[in-house]
N, C-alpha and C. Protein backbone atom coordinates (compact mmCIF):
# COMPACT_ATOMS: atom_id res chain seq x y z
N MET A 1 88.46 127.63 90.68
CA MET A 1 88.39 126.23 90.72
C MET A 1 89.69 125.53 91.39
N LYS A 2 89.57 124.67 92.40
CA LYS A 2 90.68 124.11 92.88
C LYS A 2 91.53 123.30 92.22
N ASN A 3 92.78 123.35 92.02
CA ASN A 3 93.62 122.50 91.11
C ASN A 3 93.58 120.97 91.75
N PRO A 4 93.12 119.94 90.85
CA PRO A 4 93.07 118.50 91.34
C PRO A 4 94.29 118.06 92.28
N ILE A 5 95.46 118.75 91.74
CA ILE A 5 96.64 118.03 92.42
C ILE A 5 96.54 118.33 93.93
N GLU A 6 95.90 119.40 94.32
CA GLU A 6 95.76 119.75 95.80
C GLU A 6 95.03 118.69 96.53
N ASN A 7 94.19 117.96 95.78
CA ASN A 7 93.24 116.67 96.66
C ASN A 7 94.09 115.46 96.73
N LEU A 8 95.14 115.36 96.28
CA LEU A 8 96.07 114.15 96.46
C LEU A 8 96.35 114.08 97.74
N ASN A 9 96.49 112.79 98.26
CA ASN A 9 96.72 112.44 99.84
C ASN A 9 98.33 112.12 99.86
N LYS A 10 98.89 113.08 100.46
CA LYS A 10 100.35 112.50 100.75
C LYS A 10 100.47 111.17 101.20
N ALA A 11 99.73 110.71 101.97
CA ALA A 11 99.79 109.39 102.51
C ALA A 11 99.92 108.48 101.40
N PHE A 12 99.58 108.72 100.31
CA PHE A 12 99.49 107.56 99.26
C PHE A 12 100.62 107.94 98.26
N ASP A 13 101.48 108.81 98.68
CA ASP A 13 102.70 109.06 97.57
C ASP A 13 103.43 107.88 97.16
N SER A 14 103.73 107.07 98.11
CA SER A 14 104.45 105.73 97.84
C SER A 14 103.84 104.79 97.02
N ARG A 15 104.62 103.95 96.10
CA ARG A 15 103.93 102.91 95.42
C ARG A 15 103.54 101.67 96.35
N VAL A 16 104.35 101.75 97.55
CA VAL A 16 104.22 100.62 98.32
C VAL A 16 102.71 100.79 99.07
N ARG A 17 102.54 102.03 99.30
CA ARG A 17 101.11 102.58 100.21
C ARG A 17 99.79 102.18 99.20
N LEU A 18 100.26 102.68 97.80
CA LEU A 18 99.30 102.52 96.77
C LEU A 18 98.90 101.02 96.81
N GLY A 19 99.81 100.21 96.92
CA GLY A 19 99.57 98.83 96.54
C GLY A 19 98.81 98.08 97.75
N ILE A 20 99.22 98.57 99.09
CA ILE A 20 98.52 98.13 99.97
C ILE A 20 97.11 98.69 100.36
N MET A 21 96.88 99.79 100.11
CA MET A 21 95.31 100.36 100.06
C MET A 21 94.57 99.85 98.76
N SER A 22 95.22 99.27 97.81
CA SER A 22 94.70 98.83 96.70
C SER A 22 94.14 97.41 96.82
N ALA A 23 95.09 96.75 97.85
CA ALA A 23 94.59 95.28 98.20
C ALA A 23 93.98 95.19 99.21
N VAL A 24 93.70 96.33 100.11
CA VAL A 24 92.75 96.15 101.28
C VAL A 24 91.26 96.59 100.86
N MET A 25 91.51 97.48 99.81
CA MET A 25 90.18 97.86 99.31
C MET A 25 89.36 96.97 98.58
N VAL A 26 90.00 96.09 97.75
CA VAL A 26 89.15 94.99 97.23
C VAL A 26 89.20 93.63 97.64
N ASN A 27 89.75 93.45 98.93
CA ASN A 27 89.54 92.23 99.66
C ASN A 27 89.09 92.90 101.16
N ASP A 28 88.35 91.77 101.68
CA ASP A 28 87.89 92.01 102.93
C ASP A 28 89.19 92.37 103.87
N GLU A 29 90.03 91.31 103.83
CA GLU A 29 91.39 91.48 104.57
C GLU A 29 92.45 90.83 103.76
N VAL A 30 93.67 91.04 104.11
CA VAL A 30 94.84 90.51 103.38
C VAL A 30 95.90 90.26 104.40
N ASN A 31 96.55 89.21 104.47
CA ASN A 31 97.60 88.91 105.21
C ASN A 31 99.01 89.48 104.96
N PHE A 32 99.95 89.42 105.78
CA PHE A 32 101.20 89.87 105.47
C PHE A 32 101.93 89.31 104.28
N ASN A 33 101.87 87.80 104.24
CA ASN A 33 102.56 87.39 103.19
C ASN A 33 102.05 87.66 101.60
N GLN A 34 100.54 87.65 101.72
CA GLN A 34 99.95 88.02 100.55
C GLN A 34 100.36 89.54 100.00
N LEU A 35 100.19 90.45 101.11
CA LEU A 35 100.88 91.61 100.39
C LEU A 35 102.06 91.79 100.21
N LYS A 36 102.98 91.08 100.72
CA LYS A 36 104.52 90.94 100.32
C LYS A 36 104.57 90.54 98.89
N GLU A 37 103.97 89.33 98.66
CA GLU A 37 103.96 88.76 97.28
C GLU A 37 103.31 89.81 96.33
N LEU A 38 102.40 90.22 96.79
CA LEU A 38 101.70 91.14 95.67
C LEU A 38 102.30 92.50 95.36
N ILE A 39 103.06 93.33 96.51
CA ILE A 39 103.71 94.38 96.28
C ILE A 39 105.13 93.97 95.84
N GLN A 40 105.79 92.98 96.16
CA GLN A 40 107.26 92.64 95.81
C GLN A 40 108.08 93.55 96.82
N VAL A 41 107.93 93.48 97.91
CA VAL A 41 108.93 94.31 98.94
C VAL A 41 109.33 93.42 100.03
N THR A 42 110.52 94.18 100.72
CA THR A 42 110.94 93.29 101.88
C THR A 42 110.02 93.41 102.76
N ASP A 43 110.35 92.53 103.98
CA ASP A 43 109.42 92.40 105.09
C ASP A 43 109.35 93.80 105.78
N GLY A 44 110.70 94.27 106.13
CA GLY A 44 110.79 95.57 106.85
C GLY A 44 110.28 96.55 105.95
N ASN A 45 110.42 96.84 104.74
CA ASN A 45 109.67 97.89 104.02
C ASN A 45 108.28 97.93 104.11
N LEU A 46 107.68 96.51 104.01
CA LEU A 46 106.22 96.57 104.18
C LEU A 46 105.83 96.92 105.59
N ALA A 47 106.35 96.36 106.43
CA ALA A 47 105.86 96.77 107.91
C ALA A 47 105.94 98.14 108.07
N SER A 48 106.98 98.93 107.50
CA SER A 48 107.00 100.19 108.04
C SER A 48 106.13 100.92 107.43
N HIS A 49 105.58 100.72 105.89
CA HIS A 49 104.58 101.49 105.32
C HIS A 49 103.07 101.07 106.00
N ILE A 50 102.81 99.77 106.31
CA ILE A 50 101.62 99.33 106.99
C ILE A 50 101.58 99.95 108.40
N LYS A 51 102.47 100.21 109.02
CA LYS A 51 102.69 100.88 110.54
C LYS A 51 102.14 102.40 110.22
N ALA A 52 102.75 102.94 109.12
CA ALA A 52 102.37 104.35 108.73
C ALA A 52 101.14 104.40 108.53
N LEU A 53 100.43 103.79 107.66
CA LEU A 53 98.98 103.50 107.25
C LEU A 53 97.96 103.46 108.53
N GLU A 54 98.42 102.28 109.40
CA GLU A 54 97.80 102.10 110.68
C GLU A 54 97.86 103.33 111.46
N GLU A 55 98.84 104.07 111.88
CA GLU A 55 99.08 105.30 112.53
C GLU A 55 98.04 106.31 112.29
N ILE A 56 97.83 106.54 110.97
CA ILE A 56 96.82 107.65 110.50
C ILE A 56 95.31 107.08 110.43
N GLY A 57 95.27 105.56 110.75
CA GLY A 57 93.98 105.42 110.88
C GLY A 57 93.34 104.90 109.44
N TYR A 58 94.18 104.47 108.47
CA TYR A 58 93.61 104.11 107.16
C TYR A 58 93.70 102.48 107.05
N VAL A 59 94.36 101.89 108.04
CA VAL A 59 94.31 100.25 107.88
C VAL A 59 94.24 99.84 109.52
N LYS A 60 93.44 98.69 109.65
CA LYS A 60 93.32 98.23 110.84
C LYS A 60 94.13 96.88 110.80
N VAL A 61 94.91 96.45 111.92
CA VAL A 61 95.51 95.28 111.93
C VAL A 61 94.81 94.32 112.90
N ASN A 62 94.65 93.05 112.37
CA ASN A 62 94.08 92.14 113.16
C ASN A 62 94.95 90.96 113.45
N LYS A 63 95.15 90.83 114.79
CA LYS A 63 96.38 89.46 114.98
C LYS A 63 95.67 88.57 115.51
N GLY A 64 95.78 87.21 114.94
CA GLY A 64 94.96 86.08 115.16
C GLY A 64 96.01 84.79 115.15
N PHE A 65 95.54 83.61 115.31
CA PHE A 65 95.89 82.36 114.94
C PHE A 65 95.31 81.48 114.24
N ILE A 66 96.33 80.68 113.38
CA ILE A 66 95.69 79.71 112.51
C ILE A 66 96.55 78.56 113.12
N GLY A 67 95.64 77.49 114.00
CA GLY A 67 96.29 76.53 114.64
C GLY A 67 97.32 77.41 115.66
N ARG A 68 98.59 76.94 115.67
CA ARG A 68 99.37 77.52 116.51
C ARG A 68 100.03 78.56 115.77
N LYS A 69 100.00 78.97 114.50
CA LYS A 69 100.80 79.92 113.80
C LYS A 69 100.09 81.24 114.01
N THR A 70 100.92 82.40 114.18
CA THR A 70 100.16 83.75 114.12
C THR A 70 99.75 84.00 112.79
N ASN A 71 98.68 84.68 112.70
CA ASN A 71 98.28 85.14 111.13
C ASN A 71 97.79 86.58 111.60
N THR A 72 98.57 87.70 110.77
CA THR A 72 98.17 88.81 110.86
C THR A 72 97.52 89.37 109.80
N THR A 73 96.38 89.86 109.70
CA THR A 73 95.51 90.40 108.69
C THR A 73 95.24 91.88 108.67
N TYR A 74 95.14 92.52 107.45
CA TYR A 74 95.05 93.85 107.40
C TYR A 74 93.86 94.22 106.56
N ALA A 75 92.96 95.28 107.04
CA ALA A 75 91.90 95.82 106.14
C ALA A 75 91.83 97.27 106.21
N ALA A 76 91.18 97.72 105.21
CA ALA A 76 90.83 99.10 105.38
C ALA A 76 89.93 99.65 106.12
N THR A 77 90.09 100.69 107.00
CA THR A 77 89.12 101.42 107.91
C THR A 77 88.29 102.29 107.03
N LYS A 78 86.98 102.52 107.48
CA LYS A 78 86.20 103.54 106.93
C LYS A 78 86.95 104.70 106.41
N ALA A 79 87.68 105.29 107.32
CA ALA A 79 88.59 106.51 106.98
C ALA A 79 89.33 106.29 105.90
N GLY A 80 90.01 105.12 105.89
CA GLY A 80 90.86 104.52 104.79
C GLY A 80 90.22 104.60 103.40
N GLU A 81 89.13 103.85 103.50
CA GLU A 81 88.54 103.69 102.43
C GLU A 81 88.11 105.19 101.72
N LYS A 82 87.53 106.09 102.53
CA LYS A 82 87.11 107.55 102.14
C LYS A 82 88.34 108.32 101.62
N ALA A 83 89.36 108.23 102.26
CA ALA A 83 90.86 108.88 102.01
C ALA A 83 91.07 108.36 100.51
N PHE A 84 91.27 107.11 100.47
CA PHE A 84 91.67 106.59 99.13
C PHE A 84 90.84 106.78 98.16
N LYS A 85 89.53 106.78 98.00
CA LYS A 85 88.63 106.99 97.11
C LYS A 85 88.74 108.54 96.74
N LEU A 86 88.88 109.41 97.71
CA LEU A 86 88.99 110.85 97.12
C LEU A 86 90.41 110.99 96.48
N HIS A 87 91.26 110.27 97.11
CA HIS A 87 92.72 110.28 96.29
C HIS A 87 92.64 109.85 94.73
N LEU A 88 91.97 108.76 94.66
CA LEU A 88 91.58 108.14 93.26
C LEU A 88 90.70 109.05 92.18
N GLU A 89 89.82 109.85 92.97
CA GLU A 89 89.04 110.67 92.46
C GLU A 89 89.77 111.85 91.69
N ALA A 90 90.90 112.41 92.68
CA ALA A 90 91.93 113.54 92.21
C ALA A 90 92.55 112.98 91.09
N LEU A 91 93.18 111.95 91.20
CA LEU A 91 93.91 111.56 90.16
C LEU A 91 93.15 111.47 88.75
N GLU A 92 91.86 111.00 88.87
CA GLU A 92 90.98 111.05 87.59
C GLU A 92 90.82 112.49 87.30
N GLN A 93 90.47 113.47 88.13
CA GLN A 93 90.37 114.60 87.69
C GLN A 93 91.64 115.19 86.93
N MET A 94 92.76 114.99 87.39
CA MET A 94 94.06 115.46 86.92
C MET A 94 94.28 114.89 85.44
N ILE A 95 93.87 113.70 85.29
CA ILE A 95 93.96 113.00 84.01
C ILE A 95 92.94 113.69 83.14
N LYS A 96 91.76 113.80 83.43
CA LYS A 96 90.81 114.33 82.71
C LYS A 96 91.15 115.95 82.11
N SER A 97 91.76 116.61 82.96
CA SER A 97 92.12 117.99 83.03
C SER A 97 93.32 118.14 81.97
N THR A 98 94.01 117.17 81.82
CA THR A 98 95.22 117.11 80.84
C THR A 98 94.68 116.57 79.25
N LYS A 99 93.53 116.17 79.20
CA LYS A 99 93.08 115.99 77.84
C LYS A 99 92.74 117.24 76.96
């Protein structure tokens, strides 16, 4: 039997990335300021983690406008949803195996 730890996804090792994925999984979309407030990180830190998740295809970025102000929102991709669910299942298996 495969050790559940092997099923953990390295893309989600960071608490910031876990926070981003959690937020986009339970909301249709989340904007930058909402994520920043939720996760309590600096602009630069959040931006770099979003970029990493975007580059591996787990988060999609939608740039638009509200009036004249730019509004960037983020959402989970199908691949991101699948990868995150598998990661959570692996965590659950690890927890169950330690009981």
